[in-house]
Each structure stands twice: as C-alpha cells, then as structure tokens.
Amino acid sequence: MSDAFVAQSLDEIRFWSRVMKEHALFLRLGFRCEDTQLIHEAQQHQAIFEDIERRSHEFDLSTDPQTIKEFNTEVRNAAIHIWAFKRRILGLILQCKLPGQNNFPLLVDHVSREANYFRNRLEELNSGRLEPLYDAIIDENIFFLKIMADHAKFIGHLLDPSERKLVEQAREFSNDFDALMYQAIDLSSMRPQSQTVPLLSQFVDENRVSVKSLRDFKKTARDLIEECRIKSIIHPLLADHVFREAERFLFILDMFERSLSGIKVNKREILF
C-alpha cells in the first residue's frame, strides 16, 4: 500500500459519504409523516455518514495506510447497511405498503446502486484488486451513464409540468443517455476485442461531450431553483447533488483520457 491507496481511498470516501448522507435526507423527506420508524432510521444513516465525512478530512496523504484500510472497512460496513435500508424501502414501495409516500421506485433503486458501487470500490481498494484500465473504462461508463440517464428522468418528473421547455430538455437528455448506455453495453459485450485504444478513446470523448452538456443543464437548473426562478418540487440540495455527480463523472472521464494517452496521474490531484 502507498500514498496512491491513501489518496484514492480518501477521495472515494469524501465524495460518496456526502452522497450517502444526502440520500438519507432525500428518502426521509419522501416518507409519510406516519412512517416514524423509517424516518428515524434515515436520520441515523444521515448522522453516520455525516460523521464519516467529517472524520475523512482528519486524514491526509501522510496517514498510515493501515489506518486508512481500517477506516475503509468501517465505511464499507456503513455502506452495506444503508444499501440494505434502501433495498428494504424499495421492497415496501413495490409491494404497495407505503401508499402516498413520494420516493420514486427508480430513485430508491438508483441510490441503492450508488451505495453498492461505493461498497465495491472500498472492497477493491482494500484488497488491492482494482479493475484493469480497459475494463474499468467500460464498466465505469456503464454505471455512470445509467446514473446520468436516471437524473434526467428525475428532473423531468420533478419540474412543474408547465415548465414545458425544461421538461422537454430533460426528456432529450434521458433519451441521449439511454442510447449512450446501450452503446456502452454493446461495447462491453464485444470484450476483449473491443478494448483497443482508438475505440476506447472515441468512447470516452463521445461520452464526455454529452456529460458536459448535461452538467451545464444541471447547473442552470440548480441556479434557477436556488433563485426561485422556475417552478418545481426539486429540493435545492438535490439539484446540487445531481450536478456534483455529473462533475464526478467528468473527473473520471478525464482520468481515463489521460491514462489512455499515457499521462501519469499525480495522486495529489485525486483529492479535492
């Protein structure tokens, strides 16, 4: 283990612990007032990840890797617990046991996929078995393209129907990212023959163009929501949340492009 392990671990934890904390808040806001036990559990998860996020900033690249490995294990366990909580909520919704609650089933599935991704990343880091670059490029894109497509769908459904132009833009982004995701799945099914630098470079470049456009759309929507200039039921924090995840995807795409070009990554650049 090395400073690269420490840097990557802290980067994942700082980003995803904030995401998990916000997921707990969003789920809580969507429950009915009588769902007191679920509300309490969501508050507990929110507090746990808020504490994890705070503690992650007490470490830096000079921290003993063994200490970070132990921290990763602790955070992984918290990610497993919130994943199980999210899947239980999804089951209750799909079985019509929470009539009147306001969390879309796709949203609950979406946030559970992100918890599972976070758990897997920490397991990979601690085991030292990160995916080979070419596999990671395809798999990360499949994961994040689906996330981006989901975001566009959520935005479209949470904007007021009278915001016709923005709703239509969100629908177009949803269709665009669905197409990109299926294109990535096709590339995946052609492995290993599809894993050439020219194909993967074009793949990364094409996705980056679409992600930048969606990122800019999200930023505009976030700013308009914060200024109360459009009609929606989107929480301002949710608008910022999906913007940050698009920024994260762009960061990963940039790392992939540099790796494909043979440029070494400065590990200190990984930490925000």
Protein backbone atom coordinates (compact mmCIF):
# COMPACT_ATOMS: atom_id res chain seq x y z
CA MET A 1 0.00 0.00 0.00
CA SER A 2 1.15 3.55 -0.73
CA ASP A 3 0.12 7.18 -0.93
CA ALA A 4 -1.90 6.24 -4.05
CA PHE A 5 -4.01 3.89 -1.92
CA VAL A 6 -4.50 6.59 0.72
CA ALA A 7 -5.37 9.24 -1.86
CA GLN A 8 -7.86 7.07 -3.72
CA SER A 9 -9.48 5.84 -0.51
CA LEU A 10 -9.97 9.34 0.91
CA ASP A 11 -11.25 10.63 -2.42
CA GLU A 12 -13.91 7.90 -2.62
CA ILE A 13 -14.96 8.34 1.00
CA ARG A 14 -15.13 12.13 0.92
CA PHE A 15 -17.26 12.15 -2.20
CA TRP A 16 -19.54 9.18 -1.56
CA SER A 17 -20.08 9.69 2.17
CA ARG A 18 -21.57 13.09 1.37
CA VAL A 19 -23.73 11.46 -1.28
CA MET A 20 -24.91 8.77 1.17
CA LYS A 21 -25.70 11.42 3.78
CA GLU A 22 -27.83 13.32 1.28
CA HIS A 23 -29.56 10.16 0.11
CA ALA A 24 -30.75 9.55 3.66
CA LEU A 25 -32.12 13.09 3.78
CA PHE A 26 -33.93 12.79 0.44
CA LEU A 27 -35.51 9.47 1.39
CA ARG A 28 -36.62 10.90 4.74
CA LEU A 29 -38.27 13.87 3.03
CA GLY A 30 -40.21 11.47 0.83
CA PHE A 31 -41.69 9.37 3.64
CA ARG A 32 -45.16 9.95 5.05
CA CYS A 33 -45.37 11.65 8.44
CA GLU A 34 -46.61 8.38 9.99
CA ASP A 35 -43.52 6.46 8.84
CA THR A 36 -41.75 7.34 12.07
CA GLN A 37 -39.52 4.25 12.20
CA LEU A 38 -38.26 4.75 8.65
CA ILE A 39 -37.72 8.45 9.33
CA HIS A 40 -35.70 7.56 12.43
CA GLU A 41 -33.59 5.04 10.52
CA ALA A 42 -32.92 7.57 7.76
CA GLN A 43 -31.81 10.12 10.35
CA GLN A 44 -29.44 7.55 11.84
CA HIS A 45 -27.84 6.83 8.44
CA GLN A 46 -27.57 10.55 7.77
CA ALA A 47 -25.75 11.08 11.07
CA ILE A 48 -23.41 8.14 10.47
CA PHE A 49 -22.28 9.38 7.07
CA GLU A 50 -22.05 12.97 8.25
CA ASP A 51 -19.61 11.75 10.90
CA ILE A 52 -17.69 9.67 8.36
CA GLU A 53 -17.40 12.65 6.04
CA ARG A 54 -16.13 14.83 8.89
CA ARG A 55 -13.58 12.25 10.02
CA SER A 56 -12.29 11.68 6.49
CA HIS A 57 -10.96 15.24 6.48
CA GLU A 58 -8.84 14.47 9.56
CA PHE A 59 -6.62 12.26 7.36
CA ASP A 60 -4.18 13.22 4.60
CA LEU A 61 -1.59 11.56 2.34
CA SER A 62 0.80 11.12 5.27
CA THR A 63 -1.68 8.93 7.18
CA ASP A 64 -0.57 5.34 7.76
CA PRO A 65 -2.14 3.17 5.02
CA GLN A 66 -3.14 0.58 7.62
CA THR A 67 -5.20 3.22 9.39
CA ILE A 68 -6.93 4.04 6.12
CA LYS A 69 -7.53 0.36 5.42
CA GLU A 70 -9.31 0.04 8.77
CA PHE A 71 -11.32 3.19 8.04
CA ASN A 72 -12.29 1.77 4.65
CA THR A 73 -13.61 -1.35 6.34
CA GLU A 74 -15.69 0.69 8.77
CA VAL A 75 -17.13 2.84 5.98
CA ARG A 76 -17.79 -0.23 3.83
CA ASN A 77 -19.92 -1.68 6.64
CA ALA A 78 -21.89 1.57 6.85
CA ALA A 79 -22.41 1.44 3.07
CA ILE A 80 -23.71 -2.13 3.33
CA HIS A 81 -26.21 -1.09 6.00
CA ILE A 82 -27.56 1.88 4.06
CA TRP A 83 -27.75 -0.30 0.92
CA ALA A 84 -29.87 -2.82 2.84
CA PHE A 85 -32.07 0.01 4.15
CA LYS A 86 -32.63 1.32 0.64
CA ARG A 87 -33.47 -2.10 -0.77
CA ARG A 88 -35.96 -2.68 2.06
CA ILE A 89 -37.64 0.63 1.25
CA LEU A 90 -37.79 -0.35 -2.42
CA GLY A 91 -39.49 -3.60 -1.47
CA LEU A 92 -42.08 -1.80 0.65
CA ILE A 93 -42.86 0.63 -2.17
CA LEU A 94 -43.17 -2.06 -4.84
CA GLN A 95 -45.45 -4.09 -2.56
CA CYS A 96 -47.66 -1.00 -2.11
CA LYS A 97 -47.01 -0.92 1.65
CA LEU A 98 -46.21 2.81 1.71
CA PRO A 99 -49.11 4.36 -0.22
CA GLY A 100 -48.76 8.10 -0.56
CA GLN A 101 -45.01 8.31 0.01
CA ASN A 102 -43.08 10.40 -2.52
CA ASN A 103 -39.92 8.44 -3.37
CA PHE A 104 -39.95 7.10 -6.93
CA PRO A 105 -39.07 3.38 -7.03
CA LEU A 106 -36.43 4.16 -9.66
CA LEU A 107 -34.93 6.76 -7.34
CA VAL A 108 -34.67 4.26 -4.48
CA ASP A 109 -33.11 1.69 -6.82
CA HIS A 110 -30.78 4.42 -8.10
CA VAL A 111 -29.49 5.38 -4.66
CA SER A 112 -29.06 1.71 -3.71
CA ARG A 113 -26.92 1.15 -6.82
CA GLU A 114 -24.70 4.02 -5.73
CA ALA A 115 -24.35 2.53 -2.24
CA ASN A 116 -23.38 -0.80 -3.78
CA TYR A 117 -20.85 0.95 -6.04
CA PHE A 118 -19.33 2.68 -3.01
CA ARG A 119 -19.10 -0.60 -1.10
CA ASN A 120 -17.42 -2.32 -4.04
CA ARG A 121 -14.89 0.48 -4.50
CA LEU A 122 -13.78 0.19 -0.87
CA GLU A 123 -13.50 -3.59 -1.17
CA GLU A 124 -11.37 -3.24 -4.30
CA LEU A 125 -9.10 -0.70 -2.66
CA ASN A 126 -8.55 -2.77 0.46
CA SER A 127 -7.91 -5.96 -1.50
CA GLY A 128 -5.62 -4.21 -3.97
CA ARG A 129 -7.57 -5.77 -6.84
CA LEU A 130 -8.63 -2.77 -8.92
CA GLU A 131 -10.01 -3.49 -12.38
CA PRO A 132 -7.58 -3.32 -15.31
CA LEU A 133 -7.81 0.06 -17.05
CA TYR A 134 -9.68 -1.11 -20.16
CA ASP A 135 -12.29 -2.98 -18.13
CA ALA A 136 -12.68 -0.04 -15.74
CA ILE A 137 -13.31 2.36 -18.63
CA ILE A 138 -16.23 0.30 -19.90
CA ASP A 139 -17.71 -0.64 -16.52
CA GLU A 140 -17.48 2.83 -15.00
CA ASN A 141 -19.15 4.32 -18.05
CA ILE A 142 -21.99 1.80 -17.96
CA PHE A 143 -22.57 2.63 -14.29
CA PHE A 144 -22.41 6.41 -14.64
CA LEU A 145 -24.30 6.64 -17.93
CA LYS A 146 -27.22 4.89 -16.22
CA ILE A 147 -26.90 7.32 -13.30
CA MET A 148 -26.98 10.30 -15.67
CA ALA A 149 -29.99 8.90 -17.55
CA ASP A 150 -31.81 8.45 -14.23
CA HIS A 151 -31.02 12.02 -13.21
CA ALA A 152 -32.55 13.38 -16.41
CA LYS A 153 -35.70 11.35 -15.76
CA PHE A 154 -35.97 12.59 -12.17
CA ILE A 155 -35.52 16.21 -13.22
CA GLY A 156 -38.16 15.86 -15.91
CA HIS A 157 -40.67 14.39 -13.46
CA LEU A 158 -39.98 16.83 -10.62
CA LEU A 159 -40.20 20.00 -12.68
CA ASP A 160 -43.66 21.53 -12.81
CA PRO A 161 -45.46 20.33 -15.99
CA SER A 162 -45.85 23.98 -17.02
CA GLU A 163 -42.06 24.24 -17.42
CA ARG A 164 -42.50 22.67 -20.85
CA LYS A 165 -39.17 23.64 -22.39
CA LEU A 166 -37.10 22.39 -19.46
CA VAL A 167 -39.17 19.20 -19.23
CA GLU A 168 -38.53 18.57 -22.92
CA GLN A 169 -34.80 19.20 -22.48
CA ALA A 170 -34.71 16.72 -19.61
CA ARG A 171 -36.51 14.15 -21.77
CA GLU A 172 -33.97 14.65 -24.56
CA PHE A 173 -31.10 14.14 -22.14
CA SER A 174 -32.79 10.98 -20.84
CA ASN A 175 -33.04 9.58 -24.36
CA ASP A 176 -29.46 10.59 -25.16
CA PHE A 177 -28.03 8.86 -22.11
CA ASP A 178 -30.17 5.77 -22.56
CA ALA A 179 -28.67 5.46 -26.06
CA LEU A 180 -25.13 6.01 -24.75
CA MET A 181 -25.66 3.43 -22.04
CA TYR A 182 -26.81 0.77 -24.52
CA GLN A 183 -23.88 1.67 -26.75
CA ALA A 184 -21.58 1.06 -23.78
CA ILE A 185 -23.29 -2.28 -23.08
CA ASP A 186 -22.69 -3.28 -26.70
CA LEU A 187 -19.03 -2.35 -26.37
CA SER A 188 -18.88 -4.42 -23.21
CA SER A 189 -20.35 -7.49 -24.89
CA MET A 190 -17.65 -7.25 -27.57
CA ARG A 191 -14.85 -7.57 -24.99
CA PRO A 192 -11.93 -8.17 -25.24
CA GLN A 193 -11.85 -7.46 -28.98
CA SER A 194 -13.43 -4.03 -28.45
CA GLN A 195 -10.76 -2.95 -25.97
CA THR A 196 -8.48 -1.02 -28.29
CA VAL A 197 -7.15 2.45 -27.57
CA PRO A 198 -8.81 4.05 -30.63
CA LEU A 199 -12.25 2.62 -29.78
CA LEU A 200 -12.00 3.42 -26.07
CA SER A 201 -10.68 6.94 -26.74
CA GLN A 202 -13.62 7.67 -29.05
CA PHE A 203 -15.97 6.14 -26.47
CA VAL A 204 -14.63 8.39 -23.70
CA ASP A 205 -14.65 11.51 -25.91
CA GLU A 206 -18.22 10.98 -27.08
CA ASN A 207 -19.48 10.45 -23.56
CA ARG A 208 -17.63 13.49 -22.28
CA VAL A 209 -19.40 15.76 -24.77
CA SER A 210 -22.82 14.57 -23.59
CA VAL A 211 -21.90 14.68 -19.90
CA LYS A 212 -20.64 18.26 -20.23
CA SER A 213 -23.94 19.28 -21.82
CA LEU A 214 -25.93 17.58 -19.07
CA ARG A 215 -23.65 19.07 -16.40
CA ASP A 216 -24.31 22.54 -17.78
CA PHE A 217 -28.06 21.88 -17.89
CA LYS A 218 -27.98 20.73 -14.27
CA LYS A 219 -26.01 23.79 -13.24
CA THR A 220 -28.54 26.07 -14.92
CA ALA A 221 -31.44 24.22 -13.29
CA ARG A 222 -29.71 24.34 -9.90
CA ASP A 223 -29.12 28.08 -10.16
CA LEU A 224 -32.69 28.77 -11.29
CA ILE A 225 -34.10 26.65 -8.45
CA GLU A 226 -31.92 28.41 -5.87
CA GLU A 227 -33.11 31.79 -7.22
CA CYS A 228 -36.76 30.62 -7.25
CA ARG A 229 -36.99 31.41 -10.97
CA ILE A 230 -38.61 28.15 -12.10
CA LYS A 231 -41.47 26.03 -10.82
CA SER A 232 -40.60 22.59 -9.47
CA ILE A 233 -40.69 20.35 -6.40
CA ILE A 234 -36.93 19.77 -6.62
CA HIS A 235 -35.11 20.35 -3.32
CA PRO A 236 -32.21 22.81 -3.91
CA LEU A 237 -29.81 20.30 -2.34
CA LEU A 238 -30.98 17.61 -4.77
CA ALA A 239 -30.30 19.96 -7.69
CA ASP A 240 -26.75 20.50 -6.42
CA HIS A 241 -26.39 16.78 -5.66
CA VAL A 242 -27.01 15.67 -9.26
CA PHE A 243 -24.76 18.47 -10.54
CA ARG A 244 -21.88 17.21 -8.38
CA GLU A 245 -22.34 13.65 -9.65
CA ALA A 246 -22.05 14.87 -13.23
CA GLU A 247 -18.87 16.70 -12.24
CA ARG A 248 -17.62 13.45 -10.72
CA PHE A 249 -18.26 11.56 -13.94
CA LEU A 250 -16.36 14.21 -15.92
CA PHE A 251 -13.45 13.91 -13.48
CA ILE A 252 -13.35 10.14 -14.06
CA LEU A 253 -13.56 10.55 -17.84
CA ASP A 254 -10.65 13.00 -17.72
CA MET A 255 -8.62 10.48 -15.70
CA PHE A 256 -9.38 7.79 -18.28
CA GLU A 257 -8.39 10.04 -21.17
CA ARG A 258 -5.08 10.85 -19.53
CA SER A 259 -4.42 7.18 -18.80
CA LEU A 260 -5.17 6.21 -22.41
CA SER A 261 -2.75 8.93 -23.51
CA GLY A 262 -0.04 7.52 -21.26
CA ILE A 263 -0.02 10.52 -18.93
CA LYS A 264 0.66 9.61 -15.31
CA VAL A 265 -1.79 10.94 -12.75
CA ASN A 266 -0.48 12.98 -9.84
CA LYS A 267 -2.03 11.27 -6.83
CA ARG A 268 -2.39 14.60 -5.04
CA GLU A 269 -4.76 15.72 -7.81
CA ILE A 270 -7.19 12.95 -6.82
CA LEU A 271 -8.02 14.64 -3.52
CA PHE A 272 -10.44 17.55 -3.76
